[in-house]
Amino acid sequence: MIAVVEEIDDGDTVWRFDDAFLRSNWTCIWGRGCLGIGPEPAEHLGHGCCSMGAELDGEDESRNLSALAATLEPSRFEHHPEAAADGVFADDDRTATRVVDGACIFLNRPGFPGGAGCALHLEAVRSGESPLVWKPSVCWQLPIKVDWEQGPGDTEVATVRRWERRDWGSDGETMAWCCTEGDRAYVGDRPVVDSLGEELEAIVGPTVYVELRRRLGG
């Protein structure tokens, strides 16, 4: 169990926050020593947390992803031929993205001339837009995890915490490394409440986020 310190009542939702994580200097170290989430450390592959296809949050998200994927040029999307031939989804229900050569179809590998990393993320940056608009929600939210439970009456309780090994299910048991464990990724120059401010605000809303930052001294 996490030590929940901050609690903000937003009427229909009571938000509880992992204070220690939000004050920590965690940062994504993809391309800077990330070992991936496979059974063996594999920094050289550049897979990061993209070894599994991204699970999609309903029809609206899959429709948006399909439309954005269609705009990606082959020169900026390494697996464009595979996408053109068989689509970007893992199944006909479009519940997840395909895995190609051991990672998400949208992951450009190290050395790709169009740029390594998520093709959707890179295109968002090139377009001057937020990657949150382009990427599946599960991708841009990592390593933030929200646990929902029923509260009194018609209210809900949402616990905002760091993603943990157990959240990967059985795959977490054999995972070579999880970025929020140990100290490898705690090398940022700002607290998470600031560095992941856009993500947190998108999750909890601007009013709650402003209050959260006030309480944490932002």
N, C-alpha and C. Protein backbone atom coordinates (compact mmCIF):
# COMPACT_ATOMS: atom_id res chain seq x y z
N MET A 1 0.84 -1.20 0.00
CA MET A 1 0.00 0.00 0.00
C MET A 1 0.88 1.25 0.00
N ILE A 2 0.45 2.27 -0.76
CA ILE A 2 1.20 3.50 -0.78
C ILE A 2 0.81 4.37 0.41
N ALA A 3 1.70 5.26 0.79
CA ALA A 3 1.39 6.21 1.85
C ALA A 3 0.72 7.41 1.20
N VAL A 4 -0.59 7.41 1.14
CA VAL A 4 -1.33 8.51 0.53
C VAL A 4 -1.36 9.68 1.49
N VAL A 5 -0.82 10.79 1.07
CA VAL A 5 -0.74 11.95 1.93
C VAL A 5 -1.74 13.01 1.49
N GLU A 6 -1.81 13.28 0.20
CA GLU A 6 -2.68 14.34 -0.29
C GLU A 6 -4.03 13.78 -0.72
N GLU A 7 -5.10 14.40 -0.25
CA GLU A 7 -6.45 14.02 -0.63
C GLU A 7 -7.23 15.28 -0.99
N ILE A 8 -7.80 15.29 -2.18
CA ILE A 8 -8.54 16.44 -2.66
C ILE A 8 -9.94 15.99 -3.05
N ASP A 9 -10.93 16.58 -2.41
CA ASP A 9 -12.33 16.25 -2.67
C ASP A 9 -12.84 17.16 -3.79
N ASP A 10 -13.18 16.54 -4.91
CA ASP A 10 -13.66 17.29 -6.06
C ASP A 10 -15.15 17.05 -6.30
N GLY A 11 -15.88 16.78 -5.22
CA GLY A 11 -17.32 16.55 -5.35
C GLY A 11 -17.61 15.10 -5.69
N ASP A 12 -17.79 14.79 -6.97
CA ASP A 12 -18.09 13.42 -7.38
C ASP A 12 -16.90 12.48 -7.22
N THR A 13 -15.69 13.05 -7.17
CA THR A 13 -14.47 12.24 -7.08
C THR A 13 -13.59 12.73 -5.93
N VAL A 14 -13.14 11.79 -5.12
CA VAL A 14 -12.13 12.10 -4.11
C VAL A 14 -10.79 11.59 -4.65
N TRP A 15 -9.86 12.50 -4.88
CA TRP A 15 -8.56 12.15 -5.44
C TRP A 15 -7.56 11.94 -4.31
N ARG A 16 -6.85 10.82 -4.36
CA ARG A 16 -5.80 10.53 -3.39
C ARG A 16 -4.49 10.36 -4.15
N PHE A 17 -3.46 11.03 -3.68
CA PHE A 17 -2.20 11.10 -4.43
C PHE A 17 -1.03 10.49 -3.67
N ASP A 18 -0.20 9.76 -4.40
CA ASP A 18 1.05 9.21 -3.88
C ASP A 18 2.03 10.38 -3.76
N ASP A 19 2.04 10.99 -2.61
CA ASP A 19 2.84 12.18 -2.36
C ASP A 19 4.32 11.95 -2.65
N ALA A 20 4.84 10.82 -2.20
CA ALA A 20 6.27 10.55 -2.35
C ALA A 20 6.68 10.51 -3.82
N PHE A 21 5.84 9.88 -4.66
CA PHE A 21 6.17 9.81 -6.08
C PHE A 21 6.09 11.18 -6.73
N LEU A 22 5.06 11.94 -6.42
CA LEU A 22 4.90 13.25 -7.05
C LEU A 22 6.00 14.22 -6.65
N ARG A 23 6.59 14.01 -5.48
CA ARG A 23 7.70 14.86 -5.05
C ARG A 23 9.05 14.33 -5.53
N SER A 24 9.08 13.11 -6.06
CA SER A 24 10.35 12.49 -6.46
C SER A 24 10.87 13.10 -7.76
N ASN A 25 12.13 12.78 -8.09
CA ASN A 25 12.73 13.27 -9.33
C ASN A 25 12.75 12.18 -10.40
N TRP A 26 11.72 11.32 -10.40
CA TRP A 26 11.62 10.32 -11.46
C TRP A 26 11.55 11.02 -12.82
N THR A 27 12.17 10.39 -13.83
CA THR A 27 12.05 10.87 -15.19
C THR A 27 12.20 9.69 -16.15
N CYS A 28 11.59 9.78 -17.29
CA CYS A 28 11.74 8.71 -18.29
C CYS A 28 13.17 8.72 -18.81
N ILE A 29 13.81 7.57 -18.82
CA ILE A 29 15.19 7.48 -19.32
C ILE A 29 15.26 6.64 -20.59
N TRP A 30 14.17 6.63 -21.36
CA TRP A 30 14.22 5.94 -22.65
C TRP A 30 15.35 6.53 -23.49
N GLY A 31 16.18 5.65 -24.03
CA GLY A 31 17.32 6.09 -24.83
C GLY A 31 18.49 6.57 -24.00
N ARG A 32 18.35 6.51 -22.67
CA ARG A 32 19.42 6.99 -21.79
C ARG A 32 19.68 5.98 -20.67
N GLY A 33 19.61 4.70 -21.05
CA GLY A 33 19.86 3.65 -20.07
C GLY A 33 18.65 2.81 -19.72
N CYS A 34 17.53 3.03 -20.39
CA CYS A 34 16.34 2.22 -20.13
C CYS A 34 16.60 0.77 -20.55
N LEU A 35 16.29 -0.15 -19.67
CA LEU A 35 16.57 -1.57 -19.92
C LEU A 35 15.40 -2.31 -20.54
N GLY A 36 14.27 -1.63 -20.73
CA GLY A 36 13.11 -2.30 -21.31
C GLY A 36 12.34 -3.10 -20.28
N ILE A 37 11.29 -3.76 -20.74
CA ILE A 37 10.44 -4.53 -19.82
C ILE A 37 10.36 -6.00 -20.25
N GLY A 38 11.33 -6.46 -21.01
CA GLY A 38 11.37 -7.87 -21.39
C GLY A 38 11.96 -8.71 -20.28
N PRO A 39 12.11 -10.01 -20.51
CA PRO A 39 12.65 -10.90 -19.47
C PRO A 39 14.15 -10.71 -19.23
N GLU A 40 14.84 -10.07 -20.17
CA GLU A 40 16.27 -9.81 -20.02
C GLU A 40 16.53 -8.32 -20.28
N PRO A 41 17.49 -7.71 -19.58
CA PRO A 41 17.84 -6.32 -19.86
C PRO A 41 18.24 -6.16 -21.32
N ALA A 42 17.67 -5.16 -22.00
CA ALA A 42 17.92 -5.02 -23.44
C ALA A 42 17.92 -3.55 -23.84
N GLU A 43 18.83 -2.80 -23.27
CA GLU A 43 18.91 -1.38 -23.58
C GLU A 43 19.13 -1.15 -25.07
N HIS A 44 19.91 -2.02 -25.73
CA HIS A 44 20.27 -1.83 -27.13
C HIS A 44 19.07 -1.89 -28.07
N LEU A 45 17.99 -2.55 -27.66
CA LEU A 45 16.82 -2.68 -28.53
C LEU A 45 16.01 -1.39 -28.60
N GLY A 46 16.10 -0.57 -27.59
CA GLY A 46 15.36 0.68 -27.58
C GLY A 46 13.86 0.49 -27.49
N HIS A 47 13.41 -0.63 -26.91
CA HIS A 47 11.97 -0.90 -26.83
C HIS A 47 11.29 -0.14 -25.70
N GLY A 48 12.03 0.22 -24.67
CA GLY A 48 11.41 0.89 -23.54
C GLY A 48 10.25 0.08 -23.00
N CYS A 49 9.11 0.74 -22.81
CA CYS A 49 7.91 0.04 -22.33
C CYS A 49 6.97 -0.30 -23.48
N CYS A 50 7.51 -0.35 -24.70
CA CYS A 50 6.68 -0.58 -25.89
C CYS A 50 6.73 -2.02 -26.40
N SER A 51 7.23 -2.93 -25.57
CA SER A 51 7.32 -4.32 -26.01
C SER A 51 5.96 -4.95 -26.23
N MET A 52 4.96 -4.42 -25.53
CA MET A 52 3.60 -4.92 -25.68
C MET A 52 2.79 -3.91 -26.48
N GLY A 53 1.81 -4.39 -27.23
CA GLY A 53 0.93 -3.47 -27.91
C GLY A 53 0.14 -2.66 -26.90
N ALA A 54 -0.17 -1.42 -27.25
CA ALA A 54 -0.90 -0.54 -26.34
C ALA A 54 -2.38 -0.90 -26.32
N GLU A 55 -2.90 -1.12 -25.13
CA GLU A 55 -4.33 -1.37 -24.99
C GLU A 55 -5.08 -0.05 -25.16
N LEU A 56 -6.18 -0.08 -25.92
CA LEU A 56 -6.90 1.14 -26.26
C LEU A 56 -8.16 1.28 -25.41
N ASP A 57 -8.48 2.53 -25.14
CA ASP A 57 -9.59 2.84 -24.23
C ASP A 57 -10.86 3.14 -25.02
N GLY A 58 -11.40 2.10 -25.65
CA GLY A 58 -12.69 2.24 -26.29
C GLY A 58 -12.65 2.65 -27.75
N GLU A 59 -13.83 2.76 -28.33
CA GLU A 59 -13.98 3.00 -29.77
C GLU A 59 -13.47 4.38 -30.18
N ASP A 60 -13.72 5.38 -29.35
CA ASP A 60 -13.27 6.73 -29.70
C ASP A 60 -11.76 6.80 -29.83
N GLU A 61 -11.06 6.15 -28.90
CA GLU A 61 -9.60 6.18 -28.96
C GLU A 61 -9.07 5.41 -30.16
N SER A 62 -9.66 4.27 -30.46
CA SER A 62 -9.20 3.49 -31.62
C SER A 62 -9.49 4.24 -32.92
N ARG A 63 -10.63 4.94 -32.98
CA ARG A 63 -10.95 5.71 -34.19
C ARG A 63 -9.97 6.86 -34.37
N ASN A 64 -9.66 7.55 -33.28
CA ASN A 64 -8.70 8.65 -33.34
C ASN A 64 -7.32 8.16 -33.76
N LEU A 65 -6.90 7.03 -33.19
CA LEU A 65 -5.60 6.46 -33.52
C LEU A 65 -5.53 6.08 -34.99
N SER A 66 -6.59 5.48 -35.50
CA SER A 66 -6.62 5.08 -36.90
C SER A 66 -6.47 6.28 -37.82
N ALA A 67 -7.17 7.36 -37.49
CA ALA A 67 -7.11 8.57 -38.31
C ALA A 67 -5.72 9.20 -38.29
N LEU A 68 -5.10 9.25 -37.10
CA LEU A 68 -3.78 9.84 -36.99
C LEU A 68 -2.72 8.97 -37.68
N ALA A 69 -2.86 7.66 -37.55
CA ALA A 69 -1.90 6.74 -38.18
C ALA A 69 -1.89 6.93 -39.69
N ALA A 70 -3.04 7.23 -40.25
CA ALA A 70 -3.15 7.40 -41.70
C ALA A 70 -2.40 8.62 -42.21
N THR A 71 -2.07 9.55 -41.30
CA THR A 71 -1.35 10.76 -41.70
C THR A 71 0.16 10.59 -41.66
N LEU A 72 0.64 9.51 -41.08
CA LEU A 72 2.08 9.31 -40.93
C LEU A 72 2.73 8.96 -42.26
N GLU A 73 3.76 9.69 -42.61
CA GLU A 73 4.50 9.43 -43.84
C GLU A 73 5.46 8.26 -43.65
N PRO A 74 5.69 7.47 -44.70
CA PRO A 74 6.63 6.33 -44.59
C PRO A 74 8.02 6.73 -44.09
N SER A 75 8.44 7.94 -44.44
CA SER A 75 9.78 8.37 -44.02
C SER A 75 9.87 8.63 -42.52
N ARG A 76 8.70 8.71 -41.86
CA ARG A 76 8.69 8.99 -40.42
C ARG A 76 8.04 7.87 -39.61
N PHE A 77 7.70 6.80 -40.31
CA PHE A 77 7.01 5.67 -39.67
C PHE A 77 7.64 4.38 -40.20
N GLU A 78 8.53 3.82 -39.41
CA GLU A 78 9.34 2.67 -39.87
C GLU A 78 8.48 1.51 -40.35
N HIS A 79 7.39 1.24 -39.65
CA HIS A 79 6.56 0.08 -40.01
C HIS A 79 5.34 0.48 -40.82
N HIS A 80 5.50 1.51 -41.62
CA HIS A 80 4.42 1.94 -42.51
C HIS A 80 3.99 0.83 -43.47
N PRO A 81 4.91 0.07 -44.06
CA PRO A 81 4.48 -1.02 -44.96
C PRO A 81 3.61 -2.05 -44.26
N GLU A 82 3.96 -2.41 -43.03
CA GLU A 82 3.16 -3.38 -42.28
C GLU A 82 1.78 -2.80 -41.95
N ALA A 83 1.76 -1.52 -41.62
CA ALA A 83 0.48 -0.87 -41.31
C ALA A 83 -0.40 -0.79 -42.54
N ALA A 84 0.21 -0.48 -43.68
CA ALA A 84 -0.56 -0.39 -44.92
C ALA A 84 -1.11 -1.74 -45.34
N ALA A 85 -0.35 -2.79 -45.06
CA ALA A 85 -0.77 -4.13 -45.49
C ALA A 85 -1.83 -4.73 -44.58
N ASP A 86 -1.64 -4.62 -43.27
CA ASP A 86 -2.53 -5.31 -42.33
C ASP A 86 -3.07 -4.44 -41.21
N GLY A 87 -2.92 -3.14 -41.31
CA GLY A 87 -3.46 -2.25 -40.30
C GLY A 87 -2.57 -2.12 -39.07
N VAL A 88 -3.02 -1.31 -38.14
CA VAL A 88 -2.22 -1.04 -36.94
C VAL A 88 -2.78 -1.71 -35.69
N PHE A 89 -3.91 -2.42 -35.84
CA PHE A 89 -4.56 -3.01 -34.67
C PHE A 89 -4.26 -4.50 -34.55
N ALA A 90 -4.29 -4.98 -33.30
CA ALA A 90 -3.96 -6.38 -33.03
C ALA A 90 -5.10 -7.33 -33.38
N ASP A 91 -6.33 -6.81 -33.43
CA ASP A 91 -7.47 -7.68 -33.72
C ASP A 91 -8.58 -6.87 -34.38
N ASP A 92 -9.59 -7.56 -34.83
CA ASP A 92 -10.70 -6.90 -35.52
C ASP A 92 -11.49 -5.98 -34.61
N ASP A 93 -11.43 -6.23 -33.29
CA ASP A 93 -12.14 -5.37 -32.35
C ASP A 93 -11.38 -4.08 -32.04
N ARG A 94 -10.15 -4.00 -32.53
CA ARG A 94 -9.30 -2.81 -32.39
C ARG A 94 -9.11 -2.42 -30.92
N THR A 95 -8.80 -3.42 -30.11
CA THR A 95 -8.60 -3.19 -28.68
C THR A 95 -7.16 -2.89 -28.30
N ALA A 96 -6.23 -3.08 -29.24
CA ALA A 96 -4.82 -2.84 -28.95
C ALA A 96 -4.06 -2.65 -30.25
N THR A 97 -2.87 -2.06 -30.14
CA THR A 97 -2.03 -1.91 -31.32
C THR A 97 -1.27 -3.21 -31.58
N ARG A 98 -0.89 -3.41 -32.82
CA ARG A 98 -0.14 -4.62 -33.20
C ARG A 98 1.29 -4.59 -32.65
N VAL A 99 1.81 -5.78 -32.43
CA VAL A 99 3.22 -5.94 -32.11
C VAL A 99 3.93 -6.45 -33.36
N VAL A 100 4.97 -5.74 -33.77
CA VAL A 100 5.75 -6.10 -34.95
C VAL A 100 7.22 -6.21 -34.55
N ASP A 101 7.82 -7.33 -34.84
CA ASP A 101 9.23 -7.55 -34.50
C ASP A 101 9.52 -7.25 -33.03
N GLY A 102 8.63 -7.68 -32.15
CA GLY A 102 8.89 -7.61 -30.73
C GLY A 102 8.49 -6.34 -30.01
N ALA A 103 7.82 -5.42 -30.71
CA ALA A 103 7.39 -4.18 -30.04
C ALA A 103 6.23 -3.56 -30.81
N CYS A 104 5.64 -2.53 -30.23
CA CYS A 104 4.50 -1.85 -30.84
C CYS A 104 4.82 -1.41 -32.26
N ILE A 105 3.86 -1.53 -33.13
CA ILE A 105 4.04 -1.18 -34.54
C ILE A 105 4.46 0.28 -34.72
N PHE A 106 4.11 1.13 -33.78
CA PHE A 106 4.44 2.55 -33.92
C PHE A 106 5.85 2.90 -33.44
N LEU A 107 6.57 1.94 -32.89
CA LEU A 107 7.91 2.24 -32.36
C LEU A 107 8.96 2.19 -33.46
N ASN A 108 9.53 3.33 -33.79
CA ASN A 108 10.67 3.38 -34.70
C ASN A 108 11.92 2.94 -33.94
N ARG A 109 12.65 2.03 -34.51
CA ARG A 109 13.81 1.47 -33.82
C ARG A 109 15.04 2.37 -33.91
N PRO A 110 16.02 2.15 -33.03
CA PRO A 110 17.26 2.92 -33.09
C PRO A 110 17.90 2.85 -34.47
N GLY A 111 18.32 3.98 -34.98
CA GLY A 111 18.95 4.04 -36.29
C GLY A 111 18.00 4.36 -37.43
N PHE A 112 16.70 4.36 -37.18
CA PHE A 112 15.75 4.68 -38.25
C PHE A 112 15.94 6.14 -38.64
N PRO A 113 16.11 6.43 -39.96
CA PRO A 113 16.41 7.81 -40.40
C PRO A 113 15.33 8.82 -40.01
N GLY A 114 14.10 8.38 -39.89
CA GLY A 114 13.02 9.30 -39.54
C GLY A 114 12.95 9.63 -38.07
N GLY A 115 13.81 9.00 -37.28
CA GLY A 115 13.84 9.26 -35.85
C GLY A 115 13.41 8.06 -35.04
N ALA A 116 14.17 7.74 -34.01
CA ALA A 116 13.82 6.62 -33.13
C ALA A 116 12.79 7.07 -32.11
N GLY A 117 11.94 6.12 -31.69
CA GLY A 117 10.92 6.41 -30.71
C GLY A 117 9.54 6.27 -31.30
N CYS A 118 8.54 6.61 -30.53
CA CYS A 118 7.15 6.47 -30.96
C CYS A 118 6.88 7.40 -32.14
N ALA A 119 6.45 6.82 -33.26
CA ALA A 119 6.16 7.62 -34.45
C ALA A 119 5.05 8.63 -34.18
N LEU A 120 4.09 8.26 -33.36
CA LEU A 120 3.00 9.16 -33.03
C LEU A 120 3.51 10.34 -32.20
N HIS A 121 4.35 10.05 -31.23
CA HIS A 121 4.93 11.10 -30.39
C HIS A 121 5.76 12.07 -31.23
N LEU A 122 6.61 11.52 -32.08
CA LEU A 122 7.48 12.34 -32.91
C LEU A 122 6.68 13.23 -33.85
N GLU A 123 5.62 12.68 -34.43
CA GLU A 123 4.80 13.46 -35.36
C GLU A 123 4.04 14.56 -34.64
N ALA A 124 3.59 14.28 -33.42
CA ALA A 124 2.92 15.31 -32.63
C ALA A 124 3.85 16.49 -32.39
N VAL A 125 5.09 16.19 -32.00
CA VAL A 125 6.07 17.24 -31.74
C VAL A 125 6.36 18.03 -33.01
N ARG A 126 6.51 17.33 -34.13
CA ARG A 126 6.76 18.02 -35.41
C ARG A 126 5.60 18.92 -35.80
N SER A 127 4.41 18.51 -35.42
CA SER A 127 3.21 19.28 -35.77
C SER A 127 2.91 20.39 -34.78
N GLY A 128 3.72 20.49 -33.72
CA GLY A 128 3.49 21.50 -32.71
C GLY A 128 2.30 21.20 -31.83
N GLU A 129 1.95 19.93 -31.70
CA GLU A 129 0.82 19.52 -30.89
C GLU A 129 1.29 18.67 -29.71
N SER A 130 0.42 18.50 -28.75
CA SER A 130 0.77 17.70 -27.58
C SER A 130 0.75 16.21 -27.94
N PRO A 131 1.75 15.45 -27.51
CA PRO A 131 1.73 14.00 -27.72
C PRO A 131 0.53 13.34 -27.06
N LEU A 132 -0.06 13.99 -26.06
CA LEU A 132 -1.23 13.43 -25.39
C LEU A 132 -2.41 13.30 -26.35
N VAL A 133 -2.44 14.14 -27.37
CA VAL A 133 -3.52 14.10 -28.35
C VAL A 133 -3.33 12.94 -29.32
N TRP A 134 -2.09 12.58 -29.56
CA TRP A 134 -1.76 11.59 -30.58
C TRP A 134 -1.64 10.17 -30.04
N LYS A 135 -1.15 10.01 -28.82
CA LYS A 135 -0.80 8.68 -28.32
C LYS A 135 -1.96 8.05 -27.55
N PRO A 136 -2.03 6.71 -27.52
CA PRO A 136 -3.02 6.05 -26.67
C PRO A 136 -2.85 6.49 -25.23
N SER A 137 -3.95 6.60 -24.50
CA SER A 137 -3.89 7.12 -23.13
C SER A 137 -2.99 6.29 -22.23
N VAL A 138 -2.97 4.96 -22.42
CA VAL A 138 -2.13 4.13 -21.57
C VAL A 138 -0.65 4.48 -21.75
N CYS A 139 -0.30 4.97 -22.94
CA CYS A 139 1.10 5.30 -23.22
C CYS A 139 1.50 6.62 -22.58
N TRP A 140 0.67 7.66 -22.76
CA TRP A 140 1.09 8.95 -22.21
C TRP A 140 0.91 9.02 -20.70
N GLN A 141 0.08 8.15 -20.14
CA GLN A 141 -0.10 8.18 -18.70
C GLN A 141 1.05 7.50 -17.94
N LEU A 142 1.68 6.51 -18.53
CA LEU A 142 2.79 5.84 -17.85
C LEU A 142 3.86 6.84 -17.44
N PRO A 143 4.40 6.73 -16.20
CA PRO A 143 4.19 5.68 -15.21
C PRO A 143 3.13 6.02 -14.17
N ILE A 144 2.18 6.89 -14.54
CA ILE A 144 1.10 7.21 -13.62
C ILE A 144 0.01 6.15 -13.72
N LYS A 145 -0.48 5.69 -12.60
CA LYS A 145 -1.54 4.68 -12.55
C LYS A 145 -2.67 5.22 -11.68
N VAL A 146 -3.91 5.07 -12.13
CA VAL A 146 -5.06 5.51 -11.37
C VAL A 146 -5.92 4.30 -11.01
N ASP A 147 -6.13 4.09 -9.73
CA ASP A 147 -7.00 3.02 -9.23
C ASP A 147 -8.34 3.64 -8.86
N TRP A 148 -9.41 3.12 -9.44
CA TRP A 148 -10.76 3.63 -9.16
C TRP A 148 -11.53 2.67 -8.27
N GLU A 149 -12.25 3.22 -7.30
CA GLU A 149 -13.12 2.41 -6.47
C GLU A 149 -14.36 3.22 -6.09
N GLN A 150 -15.41 2.52 -5.72
CA GLN A 150 -16.65 3.18 -5.35
C GLN A 150 -16.51 3.85 -3.99
N GLY A 151 -16.97 5.10 -3.88
CA GLY A 151 -16.98 5.80 -2.62
C GLY A 151 -18.39 5.85 -2.06
N PRO A 152 -18.61 6.65 -1.04
CA PRO A 152 -19.95 6.77 -0.46
C PRO A 152 -20.95 7.34 -1.49
N GLY A 153 -22.16 6.80 -1.47
CA GLY A 153 -23.19 7.31 -2.36
C GLY A 153 -22.81 7.14 -3.82
N ASP A 154 -22.88 8.24 -4.56
CA ASP A 154 -22.55 8.20 -5.99
C ASP A 154 -21.14 8.67 -6.28
N THR A 155 -20.29 8.75 -5.25
CA THR A 155 -18.94 9.25 -5.44
C THR A 155 -17.97 8.12 -5.81
N GLU A 156 -16.82 8.53 -6.33
CA GLU A 156 -15.74 7.60 -6.63
C GLU A 156 -14.47 8.06 -5.93
N VAL A 157 -13.61 7.10 -5.64
CA VAL A 157 -12.31 7.41 -5.06
C VAL A 157 -11.25 7.00 -6.08
N ALA A 158 -10.39 7.94 -6.43
CA ALA A 158 -9.35 7.69 -7.42
C ALA A 158 -7.99 7.87 -6.77
N THR A 159 -7.21 6.81 -6.74
CA THR A 159 -5.87 6.85 -6.16
C THR A 159 -4.84 6.97 -7.28
N VAL A 160 -4.10 8.06 -7.28
CA VAL A 160 -3.09 8.33 -8.31
C VAL A 160 -1.72 7.97 -7.73
N ARG A 161 -1.07 7.01 -8.37
CA ARG A 161 0.19 6.49 -7.84
C ARG A 161 1.14 6.14 -8.97
N ARG A 162 2.30 5.63 -8.61
CA ARG A 162 3.26 5.18 -9.61
C ARG A 162 2.87 3.78 -10.08
N TRP A 163 3.13 3.49 -11.35
CA TRP A 163 2.93 2.15 -11.90
C TRP A 163 3.91 1.21 -11.23
N GLU A 164 3.45 0.01 -10.90
CA GLU A 164 4.30 -0.96 -10.21
C GLU A 164 4.37 -2.25 -11.00
N ARG A 165 5.33 -3.07 -10.65
CA ARG A 165 5.54 -4.34 -11.35
C ARG A 165 4.26 -5.18 -11.41
N ARG A 166 3.52 -5.20 -10.31
CA ARG A 166 2.31 -6.02 -10.25
C ARG A 166 1.25 -5.56 -11.25
N ASP A 167 1.33 -4.30 -11.67
CA ASP A 167 0.34 -3.78 -12.60
C ASP A 167 0.50 -4.36 -14.00
N TRP A 168 1.63 -5.00 -14.28
CA TRP A 168 1.85 -5.64 -15.57
C TRP A 168 1.28 -7.06 -15.59
N GLY A 169 0.68 -7.50 -14.49
CA GLY A 169 0.14 -8.85 -14.43
C GLY A 169 1.26 -9.89 -14.35
N SER A 170 1.04 -11.03 -14.98
CA SER A 170 2.03 -12.11 -14.92
C SER A 170 3.34 -11.72 -15.60
N ASP A 171 3.28 -10.82 -16.59
CA ASP A 171 4.51 -10.39 -17.26
C ASP A 171 5.44 -9.67 -16.28
N GLY A 172 4.86 -9.03 -15.28
CA GLY A 172 5.69 -8.31 -14.32
C GLY A 172 6.58 -9.21 -13.50
N GLU A 173 6.18 -10.46 -13.35
CA GLU A 173 6.95 -11.39 -12.53
C GLU A 173 8.31 -11.71 -13.14
N THR A 174 8.39 -11.69 -14.46
CA THR A 174 9.63 -12.04 -15.15
C THR A 174 10.30 -10.83 -15.80
N MET A 175 9.74 -9.66 -15.58
CA MET A 175 10.27 -8.44 -16.18
C MET A 175 11.66 -8.14 -15.65
N ALA A 176 12.57 -7.82 -16.55
CA ALA A 176 13.95 -7.56 -16.13
C ALA A 176 14.06 -6.31 -15.28
N TRP A 177 13.15 -5.35 -15.53
CA TRP A 177 13.26 -4.09 -14.80
C TRP A 177 11.96 -3.33 -14.93
N CYS A 178 11.58 -2.63 -13.88
CA CYS A 178 10.42 -1.74 -13.90
C CYS A 178 10.91 -0.35 -13.51
N CYS A 179 10.61 0.64 -14.32
CA CYS A 179 11.26 1.95 -14.19
C CYS A 179 11.00 2.66 -12.88
N THR A 180 9.92 2.34 -12.19
CA THR A 180 9.65 3.04 -10.93
C THR A 180 10.27 2.35 -9.72
N GLU A 181 10.92 1.20 -9.95
CA GLU A 181 11.58 0.49 -8.86
C GLU A 181 13.09 0.74 -8.92
N GLY A 182 13.72 0.68 -7.78
CA GLY A 182 15.15 0.99 -7.74
C GLY A 182 15.35 2.49 -7.91
N ASP A 183 16.58 2.90 -8.23
CA ASP A 183 16.86 4.33 -8.34
C ASP A 183 17.33 4.74 -9.73
N ARG A 184 17.31 3.84 -10.68
CA ARG A 184 17.88 4.12 -12.00
C ARG A 184 17.23 5.31 -12.70
N ALA A 185 15.91 5.45 -12.56
CA ALA A 185 15.20 6.51 -13.27
C ALA A 185 14.94 7.75 -12.41
N TYR A 186 15.42 7.75 -11.19
CA TYR A 186 15.18 8.90 -10.32
C TYR A 186 16.35 9.88 -10.43
N VAL A 187 16.47 10.43 -11.63
CA VAL A 187 17.61 11.30 -11.94
C VAL A 187 17.15 12.60 -12.60
N GLY A 188 15.87 12.92 -12.50
CA GLY A 188 15.36 14.13 -13.12
C GLY A 188 15.76 15.38 -12.36
N ASP A 189 15.52 16.53 -12.97
CA ASP A 189 15.87 17.80 -12.34
C ASP A 189 14.66 18.55 -11.80
N ARG A 190 13.47 17.89 -11.87
CA ARG A 190 12.24 18.51 -11.35
C ARG A 190 11.39 17.44 -10.70
N PRO A 191 10.55 17.80 -9.76
CA PRO A 191 9.63 16.82 -9.18
C PRO A 191 8.59 16.40 -10.22
N VAL A 192 8.07 15.21 -10.05
CA VAL A 192 7.10 14.65 -10.99
C VAL A 192 5.87 15.54 -11.12
N VAL A 193 5.45 16.19 -10.04
CA VAL A 193 4.27 17.04 -10.12
C VAL A 193 4.44 18.15 -11.14
N ASP A 194 5.69 18.52 -11.44
CA ASP A 194 5.99 19.51 -12.47
C ASP A 194 6.31 18.86 -13.82
N SER A 195 7.21 17.88 -13.80
CA SER A 195 7.66 17.28 -15.07
C SER A 195 6.56 16.54 -15.79
N LEU A 196 5.59 15.99 -15.04
CA LEU A 196 4.44 15.31 -15.64
C LEU A 196 3.17 16.14 -15.41
N GLY A 197 3.35 17.44 -15.35
CA GLY A 197 2.23 18.32 -15.08
C GLY A 197 1.12 18.24 -16.12
N GLU A 198 1.50 18.19 -17.39
CA GLU A 198 0.48 18.12 -18.44
C GLU A 198 -0.32 16.83 -18.33
N GLU A 199 0.36 15.74 -18.05
CA GLU A 199 -0.31 14.45 -17.91
C GLU A 199 -1.23 14.44 -16.70
N LEU A 200 -0.74 14.93 -15.58
CA LEU A 200 -1.54 14.96 -14.35
C LEU A 200 -2.78 15.83 -14.53
N GLU A 201 -2.61 16.98 -15.16
CA GLU A 201 -3.75 17.86 -15.37
C GLU A 201 -4.79 17.23 -16.27
N ALA A 202 -4.34 16.49 -17.29
CA ALA A 202 -5.27 15.82 -18.19
C ALA A 202 -6.06 14.73 -17.45
N ILE A 203 -5.44 14.12 -16.45
CA ILE A 203 -6.08 13.04 -15.71
C ILE A 203 -7.06 13.59 -14.68
N VAL A 204 -6.64 14.58 -13.92
CA VAL A 204 -7.44 15.03 -12.77
C VAL A 204 -8.23 16.31 -13.03
N GLY A 205 -7.90 17.01 -14.11
CA GLY A 205 -8.56 18.27 -14.40
C GLY A 205 -7.77 19.46 -13.85
N PRO A 206 -7.93 20.64 -14.45
CA PRO A 206 -7.12 21.80 -14.05
C PRO A 206 -7.35 22.26 -12.62
N THR A 207 -8.57 22.20 -12.13
CA THR A 207 -8.85 22.69 -10.77
C THR A 207 -8.12 21.86 -9.72
N VAL A 208 -8.23 20.55 -9.84
CA VAL A 208 -7.56 19.66 -8.88
C VAL A 208 -6.06 19.77 -9.02
N TYR A 209 -5.57 19.88 -10.26
CA TYR A 209 -4.12 19.96 -10.46
C TYR A 209 -3.54 21.23 -9.84
N VAL A 210 -4.22 22.35 -10.01
CA VAL A 210 -3.74 23.60 -9.41
C VAL A 210 -3.67 23.47 -7.89
N GLU A 211 -4.68 22.87 -7.30
CA GLU A 211 -4.68 22.68 -5.85
C GLU A 211 -3.57 21.72 -5.42
N LEU A 212 -3.36 20.68 -6.22
CA LEU A 212 -2.29 19.73 -5.92
C LEU A 212 -0.93 20.41 -5.92
N ARG A 213 -0.69 21.22 -6.92
CA ARG A 213 0.59 21.92 -7.00
C ARG A 213 0.75 22.91 -5.84
N ARG A 214 -0.33 23.55 -5.45
CA ARG A 214 -0.27 24.46 -4.31
C ARG A 214 0.14 23.72 -3.05
N ARG A 215 -0.44 22.56 -2.85
CA ARG A 215 -0.13 21.79 -1.65
C ARG A 215 1.29 21.24 -1.64
N LEU A 216 1.78 20.93 -2.83
CA LEU A 216 3.14 20.38 -2.92
C LEU A 216 4.20 21.46 -3.08
N GLY A 217 3.77 22.70 -2.98
CA GLY A 217 4.72 23.79 -3.00
C GLY A 217 5.12 24.26 -4.37
N GLY A 218 4.26 23.94 -5.41
CA GLY A 218 4.59 24.34 -6.76
C GLY A 218 4.26 25.80 -7.04
